[in-house]
């Protein structure tokens, strides 16, 4: 299967449905929400600790690059305060969670999704060339073009 052209609109409601289908592994995060903004994908919630749930907010910048979509951690806030020092710990948690999953890997401060590798175990042979991701309040427009020879 080869994608020649695709315009896919993903909304905040679509993100909510994806989070419900595939929640993060480990301890359940309370009030987990994700949404599109012009700056990136905002993810927030409350992480359980032995003492009390700790509120967090992250912002992920999204970019398209050929066969992959990259989400770079742009900012972290914990209890309303900048928590960039926790970015490394967060990326390690994500790295551990996606280890061994086809098509998903962590590189430095980014999560990289290679769609063709992710769907291959499901018997789908796909070639895709992502050319852009445009974000707005409440939605993302993801575009692909003809594969690069």
Protein backbone atom coordinates (compact mmCIF):
# COMPACT_ATOMS: atom_id res chain seq x y z
CA UNK A 1 0.00 0.00 0.00
CA UNK A 2 1.39 3.39 -0.96
CA UNK A 3 -0.08 6.72 0.11
CA UNK A 4 0.10 9.28 -2.70
CA UNK A 5 -1.79 12.04 -0.93
CA UNK A 6 -3.56 12.31 2.40
CA UNK A 7 -5.06 15.08 4.50
CA UNK A 8 -6.05 13.80 7.91
CA UNK A 9 -7.78 15.98 10.48
CA UNK A 10 -7.39 14.85 14.10
CA UNK A 11 -9.46 16.65 16.76
CA UNK A 12 -9.28 16.90 20.54
CA UNK A 13 -12.14 14.37 20.66
CA UNK A 14 -10.04 11.96 18.58
CA UNK A 15 -7.15 12.39 21.04
CA UNK A 16 -9.49 11.65 23.95
CA UNK A 17 -10.67 8.46 22.23
CA UNK A 18 -7.05 7.36 21.64
CA UNK A 19 -6.16 7.98 25.29
CA UNK A 20 -9.15 5.87 26.35
CA UNK A 21 -8.07 3.03 24.04
CA UNK A 22 -4.40 3.08 25.00
CA UNK A 23 -3.84 4.67 28.42
CA UNK A 24 -0.25 5.18 29.58
CA UNK A 25 1.22 2.09 31.26
CA UNK A 26 1.86 1.95 34.99
CA UNK A 27 -0.04 3.84 37.66
CA UNK A 28 -3.23 5.40 36.31
CA UNK A 29 -2.93 9.13 35.70
CA UNK A 30 -5.94 11.01 37.02
CA UNK A 31 -7.77 13.59 34.88
CA UNK A 32 -5.54 12.85 31.88
CA UNK A 33 -6.33 15.26 29.04
CA UNK A 34 -4.72 16.13 25.73
CA UNK A 35 -5.54 18.84 23.25
CA UNK A 36 -4.20 20.67 20.23
CA UNK A 37 -3.04 24.27 20.43
CA UNK A 38 -1.22 26.34 17.79
CA UNK A 39 1.99 25.80 19.84
CA UNK A 40 1.73 22.00 20.10
CA UNK A 41 -0.09 19.19 21.86
CA UNK A 42 -0.87 20.01 25.49
CA UNK A 43 -1.07 17.02 27.87
CA UNK A 44 -2.07 17.42 31.50
CA UNK A 45 -3.20 15.34 34.43
CA UNK A 46 -2.44 14.37 38.00
CA UNK A 47 0.21 11.75 38.70
CA UNK A 48 -0.39 9.62 41.82
CA UNK A 49 2.27 9.73 44.56
CA UNK A 50 2.22 8.17 48.04
CA UNK A 51 1.29 11.57 49.52
CA UNK A 52 -1.04 13.29 47.04
CA UNK A 53 -1.63 13.51 43.29
CA UNK A 54 0.82 15.88 41.60
CA UNK A 55 -0.61 18.06 38.83
CA UNK A 56 1.48 18.32 35.65
CA UNK A 57 1.28 19.97 32.25
CA UNK A 58 3.42 19.24 29.21
CA UNK A 59 3.62 20.79 25.76
CA UNK A 60 4.80 18.74 22.79
CA UNK A 61 5.88 20.32 19.49
CA UNK A 62 4.91 18.12 16.55
CA UNK A 63 6.70 17.90 13.19
CA UNK A 64 6.40 15.70 10.12
CA UNK A 65 9.52 14.30 8.48
CA UNK A 66 9.11 11.74 5.69
CA UNK A 67 8.08 8.40 7.20
CA UNK A 68 7.93 9.71 10.78
CA UNK A 69 6.06 12.13 12.99
CA UNK A 70 8.17 13.57 15.82
CA UNK A 71 6.78 14.94 19.11
CA UNK A 72 9.41 16.98 20.97
CA UNK A 73 8.93 17.80 24.65
CA UNK A 74 8.89 21.60 24.68
CA UNK A 75 7.94 22.29 28.29
CA UNK A 76 7.01 20.64 31.58
CA UNK A 77 5.16 22.24 34.50
CA UNK A 78 4.65 20.48 37.81
CA UNK A 79 2.29 21.90 40.43
CA UNK A 80 2.09 25.00 38.24
CA UNK A 81 5.85 25.62 38.33
CA UNK A 82 8.42 25.04 35.57
CA UNK A 83 9.63 21.47 35.90
CA UNK A 84 12.11 21.17 33.05
CA UNK A 85 14.48 19.34 35.38
CA UNK A 86 11.89 16.52 35.34
CA UNK A 87 11.94 16.29 31.55
CA UNK A 88 14.68 13.67 31.59
CA UNK A 89 12.77 11.51 34.06
CA UNK A 90 9.61 11.84 31.96
CA UNK A 91 11.44 10.84 28.79
CA UNK A 92 12.92 7.80 30.59
CA UNK A 93 9.41 6.73 31.68
CA UNK A 94 8.20 7.05 28.09
CA UNK A 95 11.28 5.21 26.76
CA UNK A 96 10.59 2.33 29.16
CA UNK A 97 6.90 2.27 28.20
CA UNK A 98 7.52 2.06 24.42
CA UNK A 99 10.50 -0.29 24.56
CA UNK A 100 9.89 -3.18 22.19
CA UNK A 101 6.86 -1.57 20.55
CA UNK A 102 7.26 -1.45 16.78
CA UNK A 103 7.35 1.96 15.16
CA UNK A 104 7.78 4.00 18.35
CA UNK A 105 11.07 5.12 19.86
CA UNK A 106 12.47 7.87 22.05
CA UNK A 107 15.37 10.01 20.82
CA UNK A 108 16.68 12.53 23.35
CA UNK A 109 13.66 14.74 24.16
CA UNK A 110 11.43 13.43 21.35
CA UNK A 111 9.03 10.58 20.72
CA UNK A 112 9.36 9.38 17.13
CA UNK A 113 6.51 7.47 15.47
CA UNK A 114 7.26 5.56 12.28
CA UNK A 115 3.78 4.71 11.02
CA UNK A 116 4.80 2.04 8.49
CA UNK A 117 6.78 0.15 11.17
CA UNK A 118 3.90 0.49 13.66
CA UNK A 119 1.30 -1.08 11.35
CA UNK A 120 3.51 -3.79 9.83
CA UNK A 121 2.85 -6.31 12.68
CA UNK A 122 -0.86 -5.98 11.82
CA UNK A 123 -0.20 -7.22 8.27
CA UNK A 124 -0.30 -3.78 6.66
CA UNK A 125 2.49 -2.90 4.24
CA UNK A 126 2.51 0.89 4.02
CA UNK A 127 4.70 3.59 2.48
CA UNK A 128 4.01 7.13 3.68
CA UNK A 129 5.80 10.46 3.27
CA UNK A 130 4.58 12.99 5.84
CA UNK A 131 5.10 16.56 4.62
CA UNK A 132 3.43 18.71 7.26
CA UNK A 133 1.55 18.93 10.53
CA UNK A 134 -0.45 22.11 11.04
CA UNK A 135 -1.86 22.71 14.51
CA UNK A 136 -4.73 24.94 15.54
CA UNK A 137 -6.94 25.24 18.59
CA UNK A 138 -8.65 21.86 18.92
CA UNK A 139 -7.32 20.17 15.77
CA UNK A 140 -4.32 19.06 13.72
CA UNK A 141 -4.08 18.69 9.96
CA UNK A 142 -1.58 16.02 8.97
CA UNK A 143 -0.57 15.86 5.31
CA UNK A 144 1.38 13.33 3.30
CA UNK A 145 2.54 13.37 -0.30
CA UNK A 146 3.97 10.94 -2.80
CA UNK A 147 6.77 8.74 -1.50
CA UNK A 148 10.30 9.93 -2.15
CA UNK A 149 12.08 7.66 -4.61
